[in-house]
């Protein structure tokens, strides 16, 4: 991992540790690479849906946070973008941990598209998502408008 990316990883982990929603849900930043991010949350009182599995809303939050982390690798951690669409397909229950891994598929001048896969603690695919983000204040370095 490059020094700049490692610095960004530590900066984002610091922001996660102080963010009230991330604290409440126990969201942790697992890994960060250019255009990629993995986050996770474990089953617990704030993530349980009442039947011993992770609530689907928590899985949606993890997908959204993972994409934001992946996009942040292009903006030095600044959040100059907003979610415009999140399409989530639940495949099976996550009983212990939900780990969301996002990859940016397209970086346009106004819209970015990402794919997210959410696995449980056993490595079984529990959900998939596609997400669109609108760039609000930033552009990717060296990119021309479409």
N, C-alpha and C. Protein backbone atom coordinates (compact mmCIF):
# COMPACT_ATOMS: atom_id res chain seq x y z
N UNK A 1 0.86 -1.18 0.00
CA UNK A 1 0.00 0.00 0.00
C UNK A 1 0.90 1.23 0.00
N UNK A 2 0.57 2.19 -0.87
CA UNK A 2 1.36 3.41 -0.96
C UNK A 2 1.20 4.23 0.32
N UNK A 3 2.16 5.09 0.57
CA UNK A 3 2.11 5.95 1.75
C UNK A 3 0.88 6.84 1.77
N UNK A 4 0.51 7.38 0.60
CA UNK A 4 -0.65 8.26 0.51
C UNK A 4 -1.94 7.48 0.83
N UNK A 5 -2.04 6.26 0.31
CA UNK A 5 -3.23 5.45 0.56
C UNK A 5 -3.28 5.00 2.03
N UNK A 6 -2.13 4.69 2.60
CA UNK A 6 -2.08 4.31 4.01
C UNK A 6 -2.49 5.48 4.90
N UNK A 7 -2.07 6.68 4.56
CA UNK A 7 -2.48 7.88 5.30
C UNK A 7 -3.99 8.08 5.19
N UNK A 8 -4.54 7.90 3.99
CA UNK A 8 -5.98 8.03 3.79
C UNK A 8 -6.73 6.97 4.60
N UNK A 9 -6.23 5.74 4.61
CA UNK A 9 -6.85 4.66 5.38
C UNK A 9 -6.93 5.04 6.86
N UNK A 10 -5.86 5.52 7.41
CA UNK A 10 -5.84 5.91 8.83
C UNK A 10 -6.76 7.11 9.09
N UNK A 11 -6.78 8.05 8.16
CA UNK A 11 -7.67 9.21 8.30
C UNK A 11 -9.14 8.78 8.31
N UNK A 12 -9.51 7.91 7.36
CA UNK A 12 -10.89 7.44 7.29
C UNK A 12 -11.24 6.59 8.51
N UNK A 13 -10.31 5.78 8.98
CA UNK A 13 -10.57 5.00 10.20
C UNK A 13 -10.82 5.93 11.38
N UNK A 14 -10.08 7.03 11.46
CA UNK A 14 -10.31 8.01 12.52
C UNK A 14 -11.70 8.62 12.41
N UNK A 15 -12.11 8.97 11.19
CA UNK A 15 -13.45 9.52 10.99
C UNK A 15 -14.52 8.50 11.34
N UNK A 16 -14.31 7.24 10.96
CA UNK A 16 -15.26 6.18 11.30
C UNK A 16 -15.41 6.06 12.81
N UNK A 17 -14.29 6.11 13.52
CA UNK A 17 -14.34 5.89 14.97
C UNK A 17 -15.07 7.01 15.70
N UNK A 18 -15.21 8.18 15.08
CA UNK A 18 -15.89 9.31 15.71
C UNK A 18 -17.29 9.56 15.15
N UNK A 19 -17.68 8.84 14.13
CA UNK A 19 -18.99 9.05 13.50
C UNK A 19 -20.06 8.31 14.32
N UNK A 20 -21.08 9.01 14.79
CA UNK A 20 -22.07 8.38 15.67
C UNK A 20 -22.75 7.14 15.08
N UNK A 21 -23.14 7.17 13.80
CA UNK A 21 -23.79 6.01 13.21
C UNK A 21 -22.82 4.84 13.10
N UNK A 22 -21.60 5.10 12.68
CA UNK A 22 -20.60 4.04 12.57
C UNK A 22 -20.31 3.44 13.93
N UNK A 23 -20.23 4.30 14.95
CA UNK A 23 -20.02 3.80 16.32
C UNK A 23 -21.18 2.92 16.75
N UNK A 24 -22.40 3.39 16.55
CA UNK A 24 -23.60 2.67 16.97
C UNK A 24 -23.68 1.29 16.32
N UNK A 25 -23.37 1.22 15.03
CA UNK A 25 -23.47 -0.05 14.30
C UNK A 25 -22.19 -0.87 14.37
N UNK A 26 -21.10 -0.28 14.88
CA UNK A 26 -19.83 -1.00 14.96
C UNK A 26 -19.19 -1.22 13.61
N UNK A 27 -19.38 -0.27 12.70
CA UNK A 27 -18.80 -0.39 11.35
C UNK A 27 -17.30 -0.14 11.42
N UNK A 28 -16.57 -1.05 10.82
CA UNK A 28 -15.11 -0.94 10.76
C UNK A 28 -14.64 -0.92 9.31
N UNK A 29 -13.63 -0.09 9.05
CA UNK A 29 -13.00 -0.04 7.74
C UNK A 29 -11.93 -1.12 7.71
N UNK A 30 -12.11 -2.13 6.86
CA UNK A 30 -11.22 -3.29 6.81
C UNK A 30 -10.05 -3.04 5.87
N UNK A 31 -10.33 -2.58 4.65
CA UNK A 31 -9.24 -2.37 3.69
C UNK A 31 -9.61 -1.28 2.70
N UNK A 32 -8.57 -0.72 2.10
CA UNK A 32 -8.72 0.37 1.15
C UNK A 32 -7.66 0.24 0.08
N UNK A 33 -8.08 0.29 -1.18
CA UNK A 33 -7.19 0.29 -2.34
C UNK A 33 -7.76 1.30 -3.32
N UNK A 34 -7.00 1.70 -4.33
CA UNK A 34 -7.58 2.60 -5.31
C UNK A 34 -8.87 2.03 -5.90
N UNK A 35 -9.96 2.80 -5.79
CA UNK A 35 -11.28 2.42 -6.32
C UNK A 35 -11.89 1.21 -5.63
N UNK A 36 -11.40 0.83 -4.44
CA UNK A 36 -11.92 -0.33 -3.72
C UNK A 36 -11.94 -0.04 -2.22
N UNK A 37 -12.95 -0.59 -1.55
CA UNK A 37 -13.04 -0.43 -0.11
C UNK A 37 -13.85 -1.59 0.46
N UNK A 38 -13.45 -2.07 1.64
CA UNK A 38 -14.18 -3.11 2.35
C UNK A 38 -14.46 -2.63 3.77
N UNK A 39 -15.72 -2.76 4.19
CA UNK A 39 -16.15 -2.42 5.54
C UNK A 39 -16.94 -3.59 6.10
N UNK A 40 -17.07 -3.62 7.43
CA UNK A 40 -17.85 -4.70 8.02
C UNK A 40 -18.49 -4.27 9.32
N UNK A 41 -19.51 -5.04 9.70
CA UNK A 41 -20.17 -4.89 11.00
C UNK A 41 -20.56 -6.29 11.46
N UNK A 42 -20.44 -6.51 12.77
CA UNK A 42 -20.77 -7.81 13.36
C UNK A 42 -22.19 -7.78 13.92
N UNK A 43 -22.73 -8.96 14.11
CA UNK A 43 -24.04 -9.08 14.75
C UNK A 43 -23.92 -8.57 16.19
N UNK A 44 -24.91 -7.83 16.61
CA UNK A 44 -24.93 -7.29 17.97
C UNK A 44 -26.26 -6.62 18.20
N UNK A 45 -26.46 -6.04 19.38
CA UNK A 45 -27.75 -5.42 19.70
C UNK A 45 -28.17 -4.34 18.70
N UNK A 46 -27.21 -3.61 18.13
CA UNK A 46 -27.57 -2.52 17.22
C UNK A 46 -27.69 -2.97 15.77
N UNK A 47 -27.32 -4.21 15.45
CA UNK A 47 -27.38 -4.68 14.07
C UNK A 47 -28.32 -5.86 13.88
N UNK A 48 -28.77 -6.46 14.96
CA UNK A 48 -29.64 -7.64 14.92
C UNK A 48 -31.05 -7.25 14.48
N UNK A 49 -31.64 -8.05 13.61
CA UNK A 49 -33.00 -7.77 13.14
C UNK A 49 -34.07 -8.43 14.00
N UNK A 50 -33.68 -9.01 15.10
CA UNK A 50 -34.63 -9.66 15.99
C UNK A 50 -34.74 -11.15 15.78
N UNK A 51 -34.11 -11.65 14.73
CA UNK A 51 -34.15 -13.10 14.48
C UNK A 51 -32.75 -13.71 14.43
N UNK A 52 -31.80 -12.99 15.01
CA UNK A 52 -30.45 -13.53 15.08
C UNK A 52 -29.62 -13.34 13.83
N UNK A 53 -30.03 -12.46 12.94
CA UNK A 53 -29.24 -12.15 11.74
C UNK A 53 -29.10 -10.64 11.61
N UNK A 54 -28.20 -10.21 10.76
CA UNK A 54 -27.95 -8.78 10.59
C UNK A 54 -29.08 -8.17 9.78
N UNK A 55 -29.59 -7.06 10.27
CA UNK A 55 -30.72 -6.35 9.65
C UNK A 55 -30.36 -5.93 8.23
N UNK A 56 -31.33 -6.06 7.32
CA UNK A 56 -31.11 -5.67 5.92
C UNK A 56 -30.75 -4.21 5.75
N UNK A 57 -31.27 -3.34 6.61
CA UNK A 57 -30.92 -1.93 6.54
C UNK A 57 -29.45 -1.69 6.86
N UNK A 58 -28.90 -2.48 7.76
CA UNK A 58 -27.47 -2.38 8.09
C UNK A 58 -26.65 -2.81 6.88
N UNK A 59 -27.10 -3.84 6.20
CA UNK A 59 -26.40 -4.29 4.99
C UNK A 59 -26.41 -3.18 3.94
N UNK A 60 -27.53 -2.48 3.79
CA UNK A 60 -27.61 -1.37 2.84
C UNK A 60 -26.65 -0.25 3.24
N UNK A 61 -26.58 0.05 4.53
CA UNK A 61 -25.64 1.08 5.00
C UNK A 61 -24.22 0.67 4.70
N UNK A 62 -23.88 -0.60 4.96
CA UNK A 62 -22.52 -1.07 4.68
C UNK A 62 -22.18 -0.93 3.20
N UNK A 63 -23.13 -1.28 2.33
CA UNK A 63 -22.89 -1.14 0.89
C UNK A 63 -22.60 0.31 0.53
N UNK A 64 -23.41 1.22 1.05
CA UNK A 64 -23.25 2.65 0.77
C UNK A 64 -21.92 3.18 1.30
N UNK A 65 -21.56 2.79 2.51
CA UNK A 65 -20.31 3.25 3.12
C UNK A 65 -19.10 2.70 2.35
N UNK A 66 -19.19 1.45 1.90
CA UNK A 66 -18.08 0.86 1.15
C UNK A 66 -17.84 1.60 -0.15
N UNK A 67 -18.91 1.96 -0.86
CA UNK A 67 -18.75 2.71 -2.11
C UNK A 67 -18.17 4.09 -1.82
N UNK A 68 -18.65 4.75 -0.78
CA UNK A 68 -18.11 6.07 -0.43
C UNK A 68 -16.61 5.98 -0.14
N UNK A 69 -16.20 4.92 0.56
CA UNK A 69 -14.77 4.74 0.82
C UNK A 69 -13.97 4.53 -0.44
N UNK A 70 -14.52 3.72 -1.36
CA UNK A 70 -13.82 3.48 -2.63
C UNK A 70 -13.69 4.76 -3.44
N UNK A 71 -14.77 5.56 -3.48
CA UNK A 71 -14.70 6.84 -4.19
C UNK A 71 -13.74 7.81 -3.51
N UNK A 72 -13.68 7.76 -2.20
CA UNK A 72 -12.81 8.68 -1.45
C UNK A 72 -11.35 8.51 -1.83
N UNK A 73 -10.97 7.35 -2.35
CA UNK A 73 -9.58 7.15 -2.75
C UNK A 73 -9.20 8.05 -3.92
N UNK A 74 -10.19 8.60 -4.59
CA UNK A 74 -9.94 9.51 -5.72
C UNK A 74 -9.94 10.98 -5.30
N UNK A 75 -10.40 11.26 -4.10
CA UNK A 75 -10.57 12.64 -3.67
C UNK A 75 -9.84 12.93 -2.37
N UNK A 76 -8.81 12.14 -2.06
CA UNK A 76 -8.03 12.34 -0.84
C UNK A 76 -8.93 12.39 0.39
N UNK A 77 -9.98 11.58 0.39
CA UNK A 77 -10.85 11.48 1.54
C UNK A 77 -11.97 12.49 1.60
N UNK A 78 -11.97 13.46 0.71
CA UNK A 78 -13.05 14.46 0.71
C UNK A 78 -14.27 13.85 0.05
N UNK A 79 -15.44 14.16 0.58
CA UNK A 79 -16.66 13.54 0.09
C UNK A 79 -17.41 14.50 -0.83
N UNK A 80 -16.94 14.67 -2.06
CA UNK A 80 -17.57 15.54 -3.04
C UNK A 80 -18.53 14.77 -3.92
N UNK A 81 -19.36 13.91 -3.32
CA UNK A 81 -20.29 13.08 -4.08
C UNK A 81 -21.44 12.68 -3.18
N UNK A 82 -22.52 12.22 -3.81
CA UNK A 82 -23.72 11.81 -3.06
C UNK A 82 -24.36 10.61 -3.75
N UNK A 83 -24.91 9.71 -2.97
CA UNK A 83 -25.60 8.54 -3.51
C UNK A 83 -26.85 9.00 -4.26
N UNK A 84 -27.01 8.52 -5.50
CA UNK A 84 -28.24 8.82 -6.24
C UNK A 84 -29.10 7.58 -6.44
N UNK A 85 -28.49 6.39 -6.33
CA UNK A 85 -29.25 5.15 -6.49
C UNK A 85 -28.50 4.02 -5.82
N UNK A 86 -29.25 3.16 -5.13
CA UNK A 86 -28.67 1.95 -4.54
C UNK A 86 -29.66 0.82 -4.75
N UNK A 87 -29.27 -0.16 -5.54
CA UNK A 87 -30.12 -1.31 -5.83
C UNK A 87 -29.48 -2.53 -5.16
N UNK A 88 -30.21 -3.11 -4.21
CA UNK A 88 -29.65 -4.18 -3.39
C UNK A 88 -30.45 -5.45 -3.56
N UNK A 89 -29.76 -6.56 -3.73
CA UNK A 89 -30.39 -7.87 -3.85
C UNK A 89 -29.92 -8.73 -2.69
N UNK A 90 -30.85 -9.08 -1.81
CA UNK A 90 -30.55 -9.94 -0.67
C UNK A 90 -30.63 -11.39 -1.14
N UNK A 91 -29.59 -12.16 -0.87
CA UNK A 91 -29.53 -13.55 -1.32
C UNK A 91 -29.71 -14.54 -0.18
N UNK A 92 -29.15 -14.21 0.97
CA UNK A 92 -29.31 -15.05 2.16
C UNK A 92 -28.92 -14.23 3.39
N UNK A 93 -29.20 -14.76 4.55
CA UNK A 93 -28.97 -14.04 5.80
C UNK A 93 -27.49 -14.01 6.18
N UNK A 94 -27.08 -12.91 6.76
CA UNK A 94 -25.74 -12.80 7.36
C UNK A 94 -25.95 -13.00 8.86
N UNK A 95 -25.42 -14.08 9.39
CA UNK A 95 -25.69 -14.45 10.78
C UNK A 95 -24.67 -13.94 11.78
N UNK A 96 -23.47 -13.64 11.35
CA UNK A 96 -22.43 -13.26 12.31
C UNK A 96 -21.78 -11.92 11.97
N UNK A 97 -21.36 -11.78 10.73
CA UNK A 97 -20.69 -10.57 10.24
C UNK A 97 -21.21 -10.30 8.84
N UNK A 98 -21.31 -9.04 8.50
CA UNK A 98 -21.57 -8.65 7.11
C UNK A 98 -20.38 -7.82 6.66
N UNK A 99 -19.73 -8.26 5.60
CA UNK A 99 -18.54 -7.59 5.07
C UNK A 99 -18.84 -7.15 3.64
N UNK A 100 -18.86 -5.83 3.42
CA UNK A 100 -19.18 -5.26 2.11
C UNK A 100 -17.91 -4.81 1.41
N UNK A 101 -17.71 -5.32 0.20
CA UNK A 101 -16.55 -4.94 -0.62
C UNK A 101 -17.05 -4.26 -1.88
N UNK A 102 -16.63 -3.01 -2.06
CA UNK A 102 -17.07 -2.19 -3.20
C UNK A 102 -15.92 -1.98 -4.17
N UNK A 103 -16.28 -1.91 -5.45
CA UNK A 103 -15.34 -1.57 -6.50
C UNK A 103 -16.02 -0.56 -7.43
N UNK A 104 -15.30 0.48 -7.79
CA UNK A 104 -15.82 1.48 -8.71
C UNK A 104 -15.67 0.93 -10.13
N UNK A 105 -16.78 0.87 -10.85
CA UNK A 105 -16.78 0.34 -12.22
C UNK A 105 -16.63 1.42 -13.27
N UNK A 106 -17.20 2.60 -12.99
CA UNK A 106 -17.14 3.71 -13.96
C UNK A 106 -16.99 5.01 -13.21
N UNK A 107 -16.02 5.80 -13.65
CA UNK A 107 -15.84 7.14 -13.11
C UNK A 107 -16.11 8.13 -14.23
N UNK A 108 -17.31 8.67 -14.23
CA UNK A 108 -17.67 9.65 -15.23
C UNK A 108 -17.46 11.06 -14.72
N UNK A 109 -17.75 12.04 -15.55
CA UNK A 109 -17.57 13.43 -15.14
C UNK A 109 -18.66 13.89 -14.18
N UNK A 110 -19.80 13.19 -14.18
CA UNK A 110 -20.89 13.54 -13.27
C UNK A 110 -21.42 12.35 -12.47
N UNK A 111 -21.38 11.15 -13.05
CA UNK A 111 -21.94 9.95 -12.41
C UNK A 111 -20.85 8.89 -12.30
N UNK A 112 -20.82 8.24 -11.13
CA UNK A 112 -19.93 7.10 -10.91
C UNK A 112 -20.80 5.89 -10.59
N UNK A 113 -20.34 4.71 -11.02
CA UNK A 113 -21.09 3.48 -10.81
C UNK A 113 -20.18 2.50 -10.07
N UNK A 114 -20.79 1.80 -9.09
CA UNK A 114 -20.03 0.84 -8.30
C UNK A 114 -20.81 -0.45 -8.13
N UNK A 115 -20.07 -1.51 -7.88
CA UNK A 115 -20.65 -2.81 -7.54
C UNK A 115 -20.18 -3.18 -6.13
N UNK A 116 -21.09 -3.77 -5.35
CA UNK A 116 -20.76 -4.18 -3.99
C UNK A 116 -21.18 -5.63 -3.81
N UNK A 117 -20.33 -6.40 -3.15
CA UNK A 117 -20.66 -7.76 -2.75
C UNK A 117 -20.57 -7.82 -1.23
N UNK A 118 -21.58 -8.42 -0.60
CA UNK A 118 -21.63 -8.51 0.85
C UNK A 118 -21.58 -9.99 1.23
N UNK A 119 -20.58 -10.33 2.05
CA UNK A 119 -20.37 -11.71 2.49
C UNK A 119 -20.56 -11.80 4.00
N UNK A 120 -20.88 -13.00 4.47
CA UNK A 120 -20.95 -13.21 5.91
C UNK A 120 -19.57 -13.66 6.41
N UNK A 121 -19.48 -13.99 7.69
CA UNK A 121 -18.21 -14.38 8.29
C UNK A 121 -17.64 -15.68 7.78
N UNK A 122 -18.47 -16.49 7.13
CA UNK A 122 -18.01 -17.75 6.55
C UNK A 122 -17.58 -17.59 5.10
N UNK A 123 -17.71 -16.36 4.57
CA UNK A 123 -17.34 -16.12 3.18
C UNK A 123 -18.43 -16.44 2.19
N UNK A 124 -19.67 -16.57 2.67
CA UNK A 124 -20.80 -16.88 1.79
C UNK A 124 -21.45 -15.57 1.33
N UNK A 125 -21.68 -15.45 0.04
CA UNK A 125 -22.29 -14.26 -0.54
C UNK A 125 -23.72 -14.11 -0.02
N UNK A 126 -24.01 -12.98 0.61
CA UNK A 126 -25.33 -12.71 1.20
C UNK A 126 -26.13 -11.69 0.43
N UNK A 127 -25.46 -10.78 -0.26
CA UNK A 127 -26.17 -9.73 -0.99
C UNK A 127 -25.24 -9.13 -2.04
N UNK A 128 -25.84 -8.55 -3.07
CA UNK A 128 -25.09 -7.79 -4.07
C UNK A 128 -25.80 -6.45 -4.26
N UNK A 129 -25.05 -5.47 -4.69
CA UNK A 129 -25.63 -4.15 -4.90
C UNK A 129 -24.94 -3.47 -6.07
N UNK A 130 -25.69 -2.60 -6.71
CA UNK A 130 -25.16 -1.65 -7.69
C UNK A 130 -25.53 -0.27 -7.17
N UNK A 131 -24.62 0.67 -7.33
CA UNK A 131 -24.85 2.00 -6.79
C UNK A 131 -24.35 3.06 -7.76
N UNK A 132 -25.11 4.14 -7.85
CA UNK A 132 -24.72 5.31 -8.63
C UNK A 132 -24.48 6.46 -7.67
N UNK A 133 -23.46 7.21 -7.95
CA UNK A 133 -23.14 8.40 -7.16
C UNK A 133 -23.01 9.59 -8.09
N UNK A 134 -23.47 10.72 -7.65
CA UNK A 134 -23.35 11.97 -8.39
C UNK A 134 -22.18 12.75 -7.83
N UNK A 135 -21.29 13.20 -8.69
CA UNK A 135 -20.21 14.07 -8.23
C UNK A 135 -20.81 15.45 -7.97
N UNK A 136 -20.53 16.01 -6.80
CA UNK A 136 -21.14 17.28 -6.42
C UNK A 136 -20.17 18.45 -6.47
N UNK A 137 -18.93 18.25 -6.06
CA UNK A 137 -17.99 19.37 -6.01
C UNK A 137 -16.62 19.02 -6.56
N UNK A 138 -16.42 17.79 -6.96
CA UNK A 138 -15.08 17.35 -7.35
C UNK A 138 -15.09 16.71 -8.72
N UNK A 139 -13.95 16.71 -9.33
CA UNK A 139 -13.74 15.99 -10.57
C UNK A 139 -12.50 15.12 -10.39
N UNK A 140 -12.44 14.06 -11.17
CA UNK A 140 -11.28 13.21 -11.12
C UNK A 140 -10.13 13.89 -11.84
N UNK A 141 -8.96 13.83 -11.25
CA UNK A 141 -7.77 14.46 -11.83
C UNK A 141 -7.50 13.90 -13.22
N UNK A 142 -7.28 14.78 -14.18
CA UNK A 142 -6.91 14.38 -15.52
C UNK A 142 -8.05 13.89 -16.40
N UNK A 143 -9.26 13.89 -15.92
CA UNK A 143 -10.39 13.40 -16.72
C UNK A 143 -11.09 14.56 -17.41
N UNK A 144 -11.49 14.32 -18.63
CA UNK A 144 -12.21 15.29 -19.42
C UNK A 144 -13.71 15.05 -19.26
N UNK A 145 -14.52 16.07 -19.31
CA UNK A 145 -15.97 15.87 -19.28
C UNK A 145 -16.40 14.97 -20.43
N UNK A 146 -17.47 14.18 -20.19
CA UNK A 146 -17.94 13.27 -21.25
C UNK A 146 -18.69 14.02 -22.31
